[in-house]
Amino acid sequence: MDSDVLAAMARWPDVPDAYGWLSLDARGRWRLHPDGDALDGGPGVSISNAGILAFISRNYDHDDQGRWFFQNGPQRVFVRLDAAPLVLRQSDEAGRLTTHTGHPVDRIERWALDADGKLYAATEHGPAMVEDRYLPAVLEHMRTSSGRPLLDDPPGWLADPRAAAPGPAPSTPIVYPAVSPAASPLALLREPASSAFGFVDRPAPPA
């Protein structure tokens, strides 16, 4: 976090938290909710000022409950997450990945694909979802443990996640060379991503 933000937190430690004023959409765009209606599903307005976007990204973090927030000086502004705390994008043709906050991804512990075709990943920066426009390219870069392109011979559940047989979620080891030569599991996601990856998508004030 910025040094002046840390100083403000130390100087004013009892500023109440804010809820319902900020959201992050599935394409990694910050949205302001001037009416405080984020928890009611309001669309908000996109933030476009480059300086503000950079400030939010530098001071974005989470607590031990899995609630993600923007530390705005001494005030913690909790964020409604429309997809995941982080949104992944490919940064070059080799398939390297960066978060929507600008951090390069160097480690992915596991991947998960849900029935709607959304691809999630557990990264060193936190839970993330691949932005939809980069999804085809990310899948094309995936390799089986033998080195073959995953899409050349995908398991049946990957071709049609909705048709997967009931029971334990199927999984297959894959390698994403642009991040690591080591294999990590790619599994079918049968529960909400927030539960599977341990984040709160609608942080609400205490009752």
N, C-alpha and C. Protein backbone atom coordinates (compact mmCIF):
# COMPACT_ATOMS: atom_id res chain seq x y z
N MET A 1 0.83 -1.20 0.00
CA MET A 1 0.00 0.00 0.00
C MET A 1 0.86 1.25 0.00
N ASP A 2 0.28 2.35 -0.44
CA ASP A 2 1.00 3.61 -0.46
C ASP A 2 1.37 4.02 0.97
N SER A 3 2.51 4.66 1.12
CA SER A 3 2.97 5.07 2.44
C SER A 3 2.02 6.07 3.09
N ASP A 4 1.43 6.97 2.29
CA ASP A 4 0.52 7.94 2.89
C ASP A 4 -0.79 7.28 3.33
N VAL A 5 -1.17 6.19 2.66
CA VAL A 5 -2.35 5.43 3.08
C VAL A 5 -2.07 4.75 4.41
N LEU A 6 -0.91 4.13 4.53
CA LEU A 6 -0.54 3.49 5.79
C LEU A 6 -0.47 4.50 6.93
N ALA A 7 0.04 5.68 6.62
CA ALA A 7 0.12 6.72 7.65
C ALA A 7 -1.27 7.17 8.08
N ALA A 8 -2.19 7.29 7.13
CA ALA A 8 -3.56 7.69 7.45
C ALA A 8 -4.26 6.63 8.30
N MET A 9 -4.00 5.36 7.99
CA MET A 9 -4.58 4.27 8.78
C MET A 9 -4.11 4.33 10.23
N ALA A 10 -2.82 4.64 10.41
CA ALA A 10 -2.28 4.71 11.76
C ALA A 10 -2.81 5.94 12.51
N ARG A 11 -3.02 7.02 11.79
CA ARG A 11 -3.46 8.26 12.43
C ARG A 11 -4.95 8.23 12.79
N TRP A 12 -5.75 7.61 11.91
CA TRP A 12 -7.20 7.53 12.14
C TRP A 12 -7.64 6.07 12.07
N PRO A 13 -7.41 5.30 13.10
CA PRO A 13 -7.66 3.86 13.05
C PRO A 13 -9.13 3.45 13.16
N ASP A 14 -10.01 4.39 13.53
CA ASP A 14 -11.39 4.02 13.82
C ASP A 14 -12.40 4.52 12.79
N VAL A 15 -11.93 4.84 11.59
CA VAL A 15 -12.86 5.30 10.55
C VAL A 15 -13.75 4.12 10.14
N PRO A 16 -15.07 4.29 10.11
CA PRO A 16 -15.96 3.17 9.76
C PRO A 16 -15.72 2.65 8.35
N ASP A 17 -15.89 1.35 8.18
CA ASP A 17 -15.78 0.75 6.86
C ASP A 17 -16.94 1.19 5.98
N ALA A 18 -16.72 1.14 4.67
CA ALA A 18 -17.77 1.51 3.71
C ALA A 18 -18.17 0.29 2.89
N TYR A 19 -19.46 0.17 2.63
CA TYR A 19 -20.00 -0.94 1.85
C TYR A 19 -20.93 -0.39 0.78
N GLY A 20 -20.95 -1.06 -0.38
CA GLY A 20 -21.93 -0.73 -1.41
C GLY A 20 -21.53 0.38 -2.35
N TRP A 21 -20.28 0.84 -2.27
CA TRP A 21 -19.88 1.99 -3.07
C TRP A 21 -18.94 1.64 -4.23
N LEU A 22 -18.44 0.41 -4.25
CA LEU A 22 -17.45 0.05 -5.27
C LEU A 22 -17.65 -1.40 -5.69
N SER A 23 -17.52 -1.66 -6.99
CA SER A 23 -17.60 -3.03 -7.47
C SER A 23 -16.54 -3.25 -8.55
N LEU A 24 -16.27 -4.53 -8.79
CA LEU A 24 -15.32 -4.95 -9.82
C LEU A 24 -16.06 -5.89 -10.75
N ASP A 25 -16.13 -5.55 -12.03
CA ASP A 25 -16.92 -6.39 -12.94
C ASP A 25 -16.08 -7.52 -13.53
N ALA A 26 -16.70 -8.35 -14.35
CA ALA A 26 -16.05 -9.56 -14.86
C ALA A 26 -14.95 -9.26 -15.87
N ARG A 27 -14.81 -8.02 -16.28
CA ARG A 27 -13.73 -7.64 -17.17
C ARG A 27 -12.66 -6.82 -16.47
N GLY A 28 -12.70 -6.84 -15.14
CA GLY A 28 -11.67 -6.15 -14.38
C GLY A 28 -11.81 -4.65 -14.37
N ARG A 29 -13.04 -4.16 -14.51
CA ARG A 29 -13.29 -2.72 -14.52
C ARG A 29 -13.88 -2.31 -13.17
N TRP A 30 -13.27 -1.28 -12.58
CA TRP A 30 -13.79 -0.74 -11.33
C TRP A 30 -15.01 0.11 -11.62
N ARG A 31 -16.03 -0.05 -10.79
CA ARG A 31 -17.26 0.72 -10.98
C ARG A 31 -17.66 1.38 -9.66
N LEU A 32 -17.92 2.68 -9.75
CA LEU A 32 -18.33 3.46 -8.59
C LEU A 32 -19.86 3.45 -8.49
N HIS A 33 -20.37 3.38 -7.27
CA HIS A 33 -21.82 3.38 -7.03
C HIS A 33 -22.17 4.60 -6.18
N PRO A 34 -22.42 5.74 -6.83
CA PRO A 34 -22.68 6.98 -6.08
C PRO A 34 -23.88 6.89 -5.15
N ASP A 35 -24.81 5.98 -5.45
CA ASP A 35 -26.00 5.83 -4.61
C ASP A 35 -25.82 4.73 -3.56
N GLY A 36 -24.63 4.16 -3.49
CA GLY A 36 -24.39 3.11 -2.51
C GLY A 36 -25.17 1.84 -2.75
N ASP A 37 -25.49 1.55 -4.04
CA ASP A 37 -26.38 0.44 -4.36
C ASP A 37 -25.67 -0.81 -4.87
N ALA A 38 -24.36 -0.95 -4.64
CA ALA A 38 -23.64 -2.10 -5.17
C ALA A 38 -24.22 -3.42 -4.64
N LEU A 39 -24.57 -3.46 -3.36
CA LEU A 39 -25.09 -4.70 -2.78
C LEU A 39 -26.50 -5.01 -3.26
N ASP A 40 -27.16 -4.04 -3.86
CA ASP A 40 -28.50 -4.26 -4.42
C ASP A 40 -28.43 -4.63 -5.90
N GLY A 41 -27.22 -4.78 -6.43
CA GLY A 41 -27.07 -5.16 -7.82
C GLY A 41 -26.98 -4.00 -8.79
N GLY A 42 -26.86 -2.79 -8.28
CA GLY A 42 -26.77 -1.63 -9.16
C GLY A 42 -25.56 -1.71 -10.08
N PRO A 43 -25.69 -1.20 -11.33
CA PRO A 43 -24.59 -1.32 -12.28
C PRO A 43 -23.43 -0.39 -12.00
N GLY A 44 -23.68 0.72 -11.34
CA GLY A 44 -22.61 1.67 -11.09
C GLY A 44 -22.14 2.35 -12.36
N VAL A 45 -21.11 3.16 -12.22
CA VAL A 45 -20.53 3.87 -13.37
C VAL A 45 -19.04 3.53 -13.43
N SER A 46 -18.56 3.31 -14.63
CA SER A 46 -17.18 2.91 -14.83
C SER A 46 -16.22 4.04 -14.45
N ILE A 47 -15.16 3.70 -13.76
CA ILE A 47 -14.13 4.68 -13.41
C ILE A 47 -13.08 4.67 -14.51
N SER A 48 -12.82 5.81 -15.10
CA SER A 48 -11.90 5.88 -16.23
C SER A 48 -10.65 6.70 -15.96
N ASN A 49 -10.62 7.45 -14.89
CA ASN A 49 -9.45 8.29 -14.60
C ASN A 49 -8.25 7.41 -14.28
N ALA A 50 -7.18 7.55 -15.06
CA ALA A 50 -6.02 6.67 -14.93
C ALA A 50 -5.37 6.78 -13.55
N GLY A 51 -5.31 7.98 -13.00
CA GLY A 51 -4.70 8.16 -11.69
C GLY A 51 -5.49 7.46 -10.59
N ILE A 52 -6.82 7.58 -10.66
CA ILE A 52 -7.67 6.93 -9.66
C ILE A 52 -7.57 5.41 -9.78
N LEU A 53 -7.57 4.92 -11.02
CA LEU A 53 -7.46 3.47 -11.24
C LEU A 53 -6.15 2.93 -10.66
N ALA A 54 -5.07 3.64 -10.89
CA ALA A 54 -3.77 3.20 -10.37
C ALA A 54 -3.76 3.24 -8.85
N PHE A 55 -4.38 4.25 -8.26
CA PHE A 55 -4.44 4.38 -6.81
C PHE A 55 -5.23 3.22 -6.19
N ILE A 56 -6.37 2.88 -6.80
CA ILE A 56 -7.17 1.76 -6.30
C ILE A 56 -6.36 0.47 -6.39
N SER A 57 -5.73 0.24 -7.53
CA SER A 57 -4.99 -1.01 -7.73
C SER A 57 -3.84 -1.16 -6.74
N ARG A 58 -3.17 -0.07 -6.41
CA ARG A 58 -2.04 -0.14 -5.47
C ARG A 58 -2.50 -0.41 -4.04
N ASN A 59 -3.73 -0.07 -3.75
CA ASN A 59 -4.22 -0.15 -2.37
C ASN A 59 -5.40 -1.11 -2.24
N TYR A 60 -5.34 -2.17 -3.04
CA TYR A 60 -6.37 -3.21 -3.07
C TYR A 60 -5.85 -4.41 -2.30
N ASP A 61 -6.65 -4.93 -1.36
CA ASP A 61 -6.17 -6.01 -0.51
C ASP A 61 -7.38 -6.80 0.01
N HIS A 62 -7.13 -7.73 0.92
CA HIS A 62 -8.21 -8.53 1.48
C HIS A 62 -7.94 -8.79 2.95
N ASP A 63 -9.00 -9.14 3.67
CA ASP A 63 -8.84 -9.47 5.08
C ASP A 63 -8.86 -10.99 5.25
N ASP A 64 -8.77 -11.44 6.50
CA ASP A 64 -8.70 -12.88 6.74
C ASP A 64 -10.03 -13.59 6.56
N GLN A 65 -11.09 -12.85 6.28
CA GLN A 65 -12.39 -13.45 5.98
C GLN A 65 -12.61 -13.64 4.48
N GLY A 66 -11.63 -13.21 3.68
CA GLY A 66 -11.79 -13.31 2.24
C GLY A 66 -12.57 -12.17 1.63
N ARG A 67 -12.69 -11.07 2.38
CA ARG A 67 -13.36 -9.88 1.85
C ARG A 67 -12.31 -8.96 1.25
N TRP A 68 -12.53 -8.52 0.03
CA TRP A 68 -11.57 -7.67 -0.67
C TRP A 68 -12.02 -6.23 -0.58
N PHE A 69 -11.05 -5.33 -0.46
CA PHE A 69 -11.36 -3.93 -0.23
C PHE A 69 -10.31 -3.03 -0.87
N PHE A 70 -10.72 -1.79 -1.06
CA PHE A 70 -9.82 -0.71 -1.46
C PHE A 70 -9.59 0.14 -0.22
N GLN A 71 -8.32 0.29 0.17
CA GLN A 71 -7.98 1.10 1.33
C GLN A 71 -7.85 2.55 0.89
N ASN A 72 -8.91 3.32 1.10
CA ASN A 72 -8.95 4.72 0.67
C ASN A 72 -8.54 5.61 1.84
N GLY A 73 -7.22 5.81 1.97
CA GLY A 73 -6.73 6.54 3.14
C GLY A 73 -7.05 5.71 4.37
N PRO A 74 -7.70 6.31 5.37
CA PRO A 74 -7.99 5.56 6.59
C PRO A 74 -9.23 4.67 6.49
N GLN A 75 -9.96 4.80 5.38
CA GLN A 75 -11.22 4.05 5.26
C GLN A 75 -11.10 2.83 4.36
N ARG A 76 -11.63 1.72 4.83
CA ARG A 76 -11.67 0.48 4.08
C ARG A 76 -12.98 0.41 3.30
N VAL A 77 -12.88 0.36 1.96
CA VAL A 77 -14.06 0.33 1.10
C VAL A 77 -14.19 -1.08 0.52
N PHE A 78 -15.16 -1.84 1.00
CA PHE A 78 -15.32 -3.21 0.55
C PHE A 78 -15.91 -3.26 -0.85
N VAL A 79 -15.48 -4.27 -1.61
CA VAL A 79 -15.78 -4.34 -3.04
C VAL A 79 -16.74 -5.50 -3.35
N ARG A 80 -17.79 -5.21 -4.10
CA ARG A 80 -18.63 -6.27 -4.66
C ARG A 80 -17.90 -6.88 -5.85
N LEU A 81 -17.78 -8.19 -5.85
CA LEU A 81 -17.05 -8.89 -6.90
C LEU A 81 -18.03 -9.59 -7.84
N ASP A 82 -18.05 -9.19 -9.09
CA ASP A 82 -18.98 -9.81 -10.05
C ASP A 82 -18.43 -11.10 -10.62
N ALA A 83 -17.14 -11.38 -10.44
CA ALA A 83 -16.55 -12.62 -10.95
C ALA A 83 -15.58 -13.21 -9.94
N ALA A 84 -14.54 -12.47 -9.62
CA ALA A 84 -13.49 -12.93 -8.70
C ALA A 84 -12.73 -11.69 -8.22
N PRO A 85 -11.91 -11.84 -7.18
CA PRO A 85 -11.14 -10.68 -6.70
C PRO A 85 -10.17 -10.12 -7.74
N LEU A 86 -9.65 -11.01 -8.60
CA LEU A 86 -8.71 -10.60 -9.64
C LEU A 86 -9.20 -11.10 -10.99
N VAL A 87 -8.91 -10.34 -12.02
CA VAL A 87 -9.27 -10.73 -13.38
C VAL A 87 -7.97 -10.84 -14.18
N LEU A 88 -7.78 -11.99 -14.83
CA LEU A 88 -6.54 -12.27 -15.54
C LEU A 88 -6.65 -11.92 -17.02
N ARG A 89 -5.55 -11.39 -17.54
CA ARG A 89 -5.44 -11.06 -18.96
C ARG A 89 -4.12 -11.58 -19.49
N GLN A 90 -4.09 -11.93 -20.76
CA GLN A 90 -2.81 -12.29 -21.37
C GLN A 90 -2.07 -11.02 -21.74
N SER A 91 -0.78 -11.01 -21.38
CA SER A 91 0.00 -9.79 -21.62
C SER A 91 0.86 -9.87 -22.87
N ASP A 92 1.01 -11.07 -23.46
CA ASP A 92 1.80 -11.19 -24.69
C ASP A 92 1.40 -12.46 -25.42
N GLU A 93 1.97 -12.67 -26.60
CA GLU A 93 1.60 -13.81 -27.43
C GLU A 93 2.09 -15.13 -26.84
N ALA A 94 3.07 -15.08 -25.94
CA ALA A 94 3.55 -16.30 -25.30
C ALA A 94 2.56 -16.83 -24.27
N GLY A 95 1.57 -16.00 -23.92
CA GLY A 95 0.55 -16.44 -22.98
C GLY A 95 0.79 -16.01 -21.55
N ARG A 96 1.76 -15.15 -21.31
CA ARG A 96 1.97 -14.69 -19.94
C ARG A 96 0.72 -13.97 -19.43
N LEU A 97 0.50 -14.08 -18.14
CA LEU A 97 -0.72 -13.54 -17.54
C LEU A 97 -0.41 -12.42 -16.56
N THR A 98 -1.29 -11.44 -16.53
CA THR A 98 -1.22 -10.38 -15.52
C THR A 98 -2.60 -10.18 -14.94
N THR A 99 -2.63 -9.70 -13.70
CA THR A 99 -3.91 -9.38 -13.09
C THR A 99 -4.40 -8.02 -13.60
N HIS A 100 -5.66 -7.74 -13.36
CA HIS A 100 -6.20 -6.44 -13.78
C HIS A 100 -5.55 -5.31 -13.01
N THR A 101 -4.88 -5.62 -11.91
CA THR A 101 -4.16 -4.60 -11.14
C THR A 101 -2.71 -4.44 -11.60
N GLY A 102 -2.32 -5.20 -12.62
CA GLY A 102 -1.01 -5.03 -13.22
C GLY A 102 0.10 -5.92 -12.69
N HIS A 103 -0.24 -6.93 -11.89
CA HIS A 103 0.78 -7.82 -11.34
C HIS A 103 0.98 -9.04 -12.24
N PRO A 104 2.23 -9.35 -12.62
CA PRO A 104 2.46 -10.57 -13.40
C PRO A 104 2.21 -11.81 -12.55
N VAL A 105 1.69 -12.85 -13.18
CA VAL A 105 1.40 -14.09 -12.48
C VAL A 105 2.55 -15.07 -12.69
N ASP A 106 3.14 -15.53 -11.60
CA ASP A 106 4.26 -16.47 -11.65
C ASP A 106 3.93 -17.84 -11.08
N ARG A 107 2.74 -17.97 -10.51
CA ARG A 107 2.39 -19.27 -9.92
C ARG A 107 0.88 -19.47 -9.97
N ILE A 108 0.46 -20.63 -10.45
CA ILE A 108 -0.94 -21.02 -10.41
C ILE A 108 -1.02 -22.40 -9.77
N GLU A 109 -1.71 -22.48 -8.64
CA GLU A 109 -1.80 -23.74 -7.91
C GLU A 109 -2.84 -24.67 -8.50
N ARG A 110 -3.93 -24.10 -9.01
CA ARG A 110 -4.98 -24.94 -9.60
C ARG A 110 -5.87 -24.08 -10.48
N TRP A 111 -6.56 -24.76 -11.39
CA TRP A 111 -7.51 -24.14 -12.29
C TRP A 111 -8.88 -24.78 -12.07
N ALA A 112 -9.95 -24.08 -12.42
CA ALA A 112 -11.28 -24.66 -12.34
C ALA A 112 -12.16 -24.04 -13.41
N LEU A 113 -12.90 -24.88 -14.11
CA LEU A 113 -13.80 -24.43 -15.17
C LEU A 113 -15.23 -24.73 -14.75
N ASP A 114 -16.11 -23.72 -14.76
CA ASP A 114 -17.48 -23.98 -14.35
C ASP A 114 -18.35 -24.34 -15.55
N ALA A 115 -19.61 -24.65 -15.28
CA ALA A 115 -20.51 -25.11 -16.33
C ALA A 115 -20.82 -24.03 -17.35
N ASP A 116 -20.59 -22.76 -16.99
CA ASP A 116 -20.82 -21.67 -17.93
C ASP A 116 -19.59 -21.33 -18.75
N GLY A 117 -18.51 -22.12 -18.57
CA GLY A 117 -17.30 -21.88 -19.33
C GLY A 117 -16.39 -20.81 -18.76
N LYS A 118 -16.58 -20.43 -17.49
CA LYS A 118 -15.71 -19.45 -16.86
C LYS A 118 -14.53 -20.18 -16.23
N LEU A 119 -13.33 -19.67 -16.48
CA LEU A 119 -12.11 -20.32 -16.02
C LEU A 119 -11.50 -19.53 -14.86
N TYR A 120 -11.34 -20.21 -13.73
CA TYR A 120 -10.80 -19.60 -12.53
C TYR A 120 -9.41 -20.17 -12.23
N ALA A 121 -8.63 -19.43 -11.46
CA ALA A 121 -7.28 -19.87 -11.11
C ALA A 121 -6.92 -19.37 -9.72
N ALA A 122 -6.19 -20.21 -8.99
CA ALA A 122 -5.64 -19.80 -7.70
C ALA A 122 -4.21 -19.34 -7.94
N THR A 123 -3.96 -18.03 -7.88
CA THR A 123 -2.64 -17.47 -8.15
C THR A 123 -1.97 -17.03 -6.85
N GLU A 124 -0.70 -16.66 -6.95
CA GLU A 124 0.01 -16.17 -5.77
C GLU A 124 -0.55 -14.84 -5.27
N HIS A 125 -1.33 -14.15 -6.13
CA HIS A 125 -1.91 -12.87 -5.74
C HIS A 125 -3.32 -13.03 -5.16
N GLY A 126 -3.92 -14.20 -5.37
CA GLY A 126 -5.27 -14.43 -4.89
C GLY A 126 -6.11 -15.11 -5.95
N PRO A 127 -7.39 -15.38 -5.64
CA PRO A 127 -8.28 -16.03 -6.60
C PRO A 127 -8.55 -15.12 -7.79
N ALA A 128 -8.62 -15.73 -8.98
CA ALA A 128 -8.78 -14.94 -10.20
C ALA A 128 -9.66 -15.66 -11.20
N MET A 129 -10.22 -14.89 -12.11
CA MET A 129 -10.94 -15.45 -13.25
C MET A 129 -10.33 -14.90 -14.53
N VAL A 130 -10.20 -15.74 -15.55
CA VAL A 130 -9.67 -15.30 -16.84
C VAL A 130 -10.73 -14.47 -17.53
N GLU A 131 -10.37 -13.27 -17.95
CA GLU A 131 -11.31 -12.42 -18.68
C GLU A 131 -11.78 -13.13 -19.94
N ASP A 132 -13.07 -13.02 -20.24
CA ASP A 132 -13.66 -13.84 -21.29
C ASP A 132 -12.98 -13.70 -22.65
N ARG A 133 -12.54 -12.51 -22.99
CA ARG A 133 -11.95 -12.33 -24.32
C ARG A 133 -10.57 -13.00 -24.45
N TYR A 134 -9.96 -13.35 -23.31
CA TYR A 134 -8.67 -14.05 -23.35
C TYR A 134 -8.81 -15.56 -23.15
N LEU A 135 -10.02 -16.02 -22.84
CA LEU A 135 -10.21 -17.43 -22.52
C LEU A 135 -9.78 -18.38 -23.64
N PRO A 136 -10.19 -18.16 -24.90
CA PRO A 136 -9.77 -19.09 -25.96
C PRO A 136 -8.25 -19.21 -26.06
N ALA A 137 -7.55 -18.09 -25.98
CA ALA A 137 -6.09 -18.12 -26.10
C ALA A 137 -5.45 -18.83 -24.91
N VAL A 138 -6.00 -18.62 -23.71
CA VAL A 138 -5.46 -19.30 -22.53
C VAL A 138 -5.62 -20.81 -22.67
N LEU A 139 -6.79 -21.25 -23.10
CA LEU A 139 -7.01 -22.69 -23.29
C LEU A 139 -6.07 -23.25 -24.37
N GLU A 140 -5.82 -22.48 -25.40
CA GLU A 140 -4.92 -22.94 -26.47
C GLU A 140 -3.49 -23.12 -25.97
N HIS A 141 -3.09 -22.37 -24.95
CA HIS A 141 -1.73 -22.47 -24.42
C HIS A 141 -1.58 -23.63 -23.43
N MET A 142 -2.67 -24.19 -22.98
CA MET A 142 -2.58 -25.28 -22.01
C MET A 142 -2.08 -26.55 -22.68
N ARG A 143 -1.28 -27.30 -21.93
CA ARG A 143 -0.72 -28.56 -22.42
C ARG A 143 -1.05 -29.68 -21.43
N THR A 144 -1.15 -30.89 -21.94
CA THR A 144 -1.28 -32.04 -21.06
C THR A 144 0.07 -32.31 -20.42
N SER A 145 0.10 -33.21 -19.46
CA SER A 145 1.37 -33.53 -18.80
C SER A 145 2.36 -34.17 -19.77
N SER A 146 1.86 -34.70 -20.90
CA SER A 146 2.76 -35.28 -21.91
C SER A 146 3.24 -34.25 -22.92
N GLY A 147 2.73 -33.02 -22.82
CA GLY A 147 3.19 -31.95 -23.69
C GLY A 147 2.29 -31.64 -24.87
N ARG A 148 1.22 -32.40 -25.04
CA ARG A 148 0.30 -32.15 -26.16
C ARG A 148 -0.64 -31.00 -25.84
N PRO A 149 -1.07 -30.24 -26.85
CA PRO A 149 -2.08 -29.21 -26.60
C PRO A 149 -3.33 -29.83 -26.00
N LEU A 150 -3.83 -29.26 -24.93
CA LEU A 150 -4.99 -29.81 -24.25
C LEU A 150 -6.19 -29.89 -25.19
N LEU A 151 -6.38 -28.88 -26.03
CA LEU A 151 -7.56 -28.85 -26.89
C LEU A 151 -7.48 -29.84 -28.05
N ASP A 152 -6.30 -30.44 -28.27
CA ASP A 152 -6.21 -31.47 -29.31
C ASP A 152 -6.90 -32.75 -28.89
N ASP A 153 -6.96 -32.99 -27.59
CA ASP A 153 -7.59 -34.20 -27.08
C ASP A 153 -8.18 -33.92 -25.71
N PRO A 154 -9.20 -33.05 -25.66
CA PRO A 154 -9.73 -32.65 -24.35
C PRO A 154 -10.55 -33.76 -23.71
N PRO A 155 -10.53 -33.86 -22.39
CA PRO A 155 -11.43 -34.82 -21.74
C PRO A 155 -12.88 -34.43 -22.03
N GLY A 156 -13.77 -35.40 -22.00
CA GLY A 156 -15.16 -35.14 -22.36
C GLY A 156 -15.80 -34.05 -21.55
N TRP A 157 -15.51 -34.00 -20.26
CA TRP A 157 -16.14 -32.99 -19.41
C TRP A 157 -15.71 -31.59 -19.78
N LEU A 158 -14.49 -31.45 -20.33
CA LEU A 158 -14.02 -30.13 -20.73
C LEU A 158 -14.75 -29.66 -21.98
N ALA A 159 -15.03 -30.58 -22.88
CA ALA A 159 -15.75 -30.22 -24.10
C ALA A 159 -17.18 -29.80 -23.80
N ASP A 160 -17.78 -30.39 -22.77
CA ASP A 160 -19.16 -30.07 -22.41
C ASP A 160 -19.32 -30.20 -20.89
N PRO A 161 -18.95 -29.16 -20.14
CA PRO A 161 -18.99 -29.25 -18.67
C PRO A 161 -20.37 -29.62 -18.13
N ARG A 162 -21.43 -29.21 -18.81
CA ARG A 162 -22.78 -29.47 -18.31
C ARG A 162 -23.16 -30.95 -18.42
N ALA A 163 -22.45 -31.67 -19.29
CA ALA A 163 -22.78 -33.07 -19.50
C ALA A 163 -21.95 -34.01 -18.63
N ALA A 164 -21.12 -33.47 -17.78
CA ALA A 164 -20.27 -34.32 -16.92
C ALA A 164 -21.13 -35.17 -16.00
N ALA A 165 -20.69 -36.40 -15.78
CA ALA A 165 -21.43 -37.32 -14.92
C ALA A 165 -21.44 -36.82 -13.49
N PRO A 166 -22.50 -37.12 -12.75
CA PRO A 166 -22.53 -36.73 -11.33
C PRO A 166 -21.47 -37.48 -10.54
N GLY A 167 -21.21 -36.99 -9.35
CA GLY A 167 -20.19 -37.60 -8.51
C GLY A 167 -19.03 -36.66 -8.30
N PRO A 168 -17.87 -37.17 -7.90
CA PRO A 168 -16.70 -36.31 -7.68
C PRO A 168 -16.36 -35.52 -8.95
N ALA A 169 -15.99 -34.28 -8.76
CA ALA A 169 -15.67 -33.42 -9.91
C ALA A 169 -14.47 -33.96 -10.66
N PRO A 170 -14.59 -34.15 -11.98
CA PRO A 170 -13.44 -34.64 -12.75
C PRO A 170 -12.32 -33.61 -12.80
N SER A 171 -11.11 -34.10 -12.97
CA SER A 171 -9.93 -33.24 -12.98
C SER A 171 -8.88 -33.84 -13.88
N THR A 172 -8.04 -32.97 -14.45
CA THR A 172 -6.93 -33.44 -15.27
C THR A 172 -5.72 -32.54 -15.04
N PRO A 173 -4.51 -33.10 -14.98
CA PRO A 173 -3.32 -32.25 -14.80
C PRO A 173 -2.99 -31.53 -16.10
N ILE A 174 -2.70 -30.24 -15.99
CA ILE A 174 -2.30 -29.48 -17.19
C ILE A 174 -1.07 -28.64 -16.87
N VAL A 175 -0.37 -28.27 -17.91
CA VAL A 175 0.79 -27.38 -17.80
C VAL A 175 0.47 -26.11 -18.56
N TYR A 176 0.74 -24.98 -17.94
CA TYR A 176 0.61 -23.69 -18.62
C TYR A 176 2.02 -23.13 -18.74
N PRO A 177 2.70 -23.40 -19.86
CA PRO A 177 4.14 -23.12 -19.96
C PRO A 177 4.54 -21.68 -19.68
N ALA A 178 3.68 -20.72 -20.02
CA ALA A 178 4.05 -19.31 -19.82
C ALA A 178 4.14 -18.93 -18.35
N VAL A 179 3.59 -19.76 -17.47
CA VAL A 179 3.65 -19.49 -16.03
C VAL A 179 4.62 -20.44 -15.34
N SER A 180 4.51 -21.74 -15.63
CA SER A 180 5.35 -22.71 -14.94
C SER A 180 5.42 -24.01 -15.74
N PRO A 181 6.57 -24.72 -15.71
CA PRO A 181 6.66 -26.01 -16.37
C PRO A 181 6.02 -27.14 -15.57
N ALA A 182 5.64 -26.85 -14.32
CA ALA A 182 5.03 -27.87 -13.47
C ALA A 182 3.54 -27.98 -13.76
N ALA A 183 3.01 -29.19 -13.63
CA ALA A 183 1.59 -29.42 -13.86
C ALA A 183 0.78 -28.98 -12.65
N SER A 184 -0.43 -28.50 -12.91
CA SER A 184 -1.38 -28.18 -11.86
C SER A 184 -2.75 -28.69 -12.30
N PRO A 185 -3.64 -29.01 -11.37
CA PRO A 185 -4.92 -29.60 -11.76
C PRO A 185 -5.88 -28.59 -12.37
N LEU A 186 -6.58 -29.06 -13.39
CA LEU A 186 -7.71 -28.34 -13.97
C LEU A 186 -8.94 -29.18 -13.67
N ALA A 187 -9.89 -28.62 -12.92
CA ALA A 187 -11.04 -29.40 -12.47
C ALA A 187 -12.34 -28.73 -12.89
N LEU A 188 -13.39 -29.53 -12.92
CA LEU A 188 -14.73 -29.00 -13.14
C LEU A 188 -15.21 -28.37 -11.84
N LEU A 189 -15.73 -27.16 -11.93
CA LEU A 189 -16.20 -26.44 -10.75
C LEU A 189 -17.69 -26.65 -10.60
N ARG A 190 -18.09 -27.28 -9.50
CA ARG A 190 -19.50 -27.58 -9.28
C ARG A 190 -20.11 -26.79 -8.13
N GLU A 191 -19.37 -25.89 -7.57
CA GLU A 191 -19.86 -25.03 -6.50
C GLU A 191 -19.53 -23.59 -6.86
N PRO A 192 -20.12 -22.63 -6.19
CA PRO A 192 -19.79 -21.24 -6.49
C PRO A 192 -18.29 -20.99 -6.34
N ALA A 193 -17.76 -20.19 -7.24
CA ALA A 193 -16.33 -19.90 -7.19
C ALA A 193 -15.93 -19.28 -5.86
N SER A 194 -16.83 -18.49 -5.27
CA SER A 194 -16.52 -17.86 -3.99
C SER A 194 -16.28 -18.90 -2.91
N SER A 195 -17.04 -20.00 -2.95
CA SER A 195 -16.85 -21.07 -1.97
C SER A 195 -15.59 -21.87 -2.28
N ALA A 196 -15.39 -22.19 -3.56
CA ALA A 196 -14.25 -23.02 -3.94
C ALA A 196 -12.92 -22.31 -3.73
N PHE A 197 -12.90 -20.99 -3.88
CA PHE A 197 -11.64 -20.25 -3.79
C PHE A 197 -11.54 -19.35 -2.56
N GLY A 198 -12.56 -19.37 -1.72
CA GLY A 198 -12.45 -18.70 -0.43
C GLY A 198 -12.49 -17.18 -0.47
N PHE A 199 -13.43 -16.61 -1.23
CA PHE A 199 -13.60 -15.16 -1.18
C PHE A 199 -15.07 -14.82 -0.99
N VAL A 200 -15.33 -13.62 -0.53
CA VAL A 200 -16.68 -13.12 -0.31
C VAL A 200 -17.03 -12.20 -1.47
N ASP A 201 -18.04 -12.57 -2.24
CA ASP A 201 -18.37 -11.74 -3.40
C ASP A 201 -19.30 -10.57 -3.09
N ARG A 202 -19.98 -10.62 -1.94
CA ARG A 202 -20.87 -9.51 -1.56
C ARG A 202 -20.61 -9.14 -0.09
N PRO A 203 -19.48 -8.49 0.18
CA PRO A 203 -19.22 -8.10 1.58
C PRO A 203 -20.32 -7.15 2.07
N ALA A 204 -20.92 -7.48 3.20
CA ALA A 204 -22.00 -6.68 3.75
C ALA A 204 -21.65 -6.23 5.15
N PRO A 205 -22.21 -5.11 5.59
CA PRO A 205 -21.93 -4.64 6.95
C PRO A 205 -22.47 -5.61 7.98
N PRO A 206 -21.88 -5.63 9.15
CA PRO A 206 -22.37 -6.53 10.21
C PRO A 206 -23.83 -6.23 10.53
N ALA A 207 -24.55 -7.27 10.89
CA ALA A 207 -25.97 -7.09 11.23
C ALA A 207 -26.10 -6.22 12.46
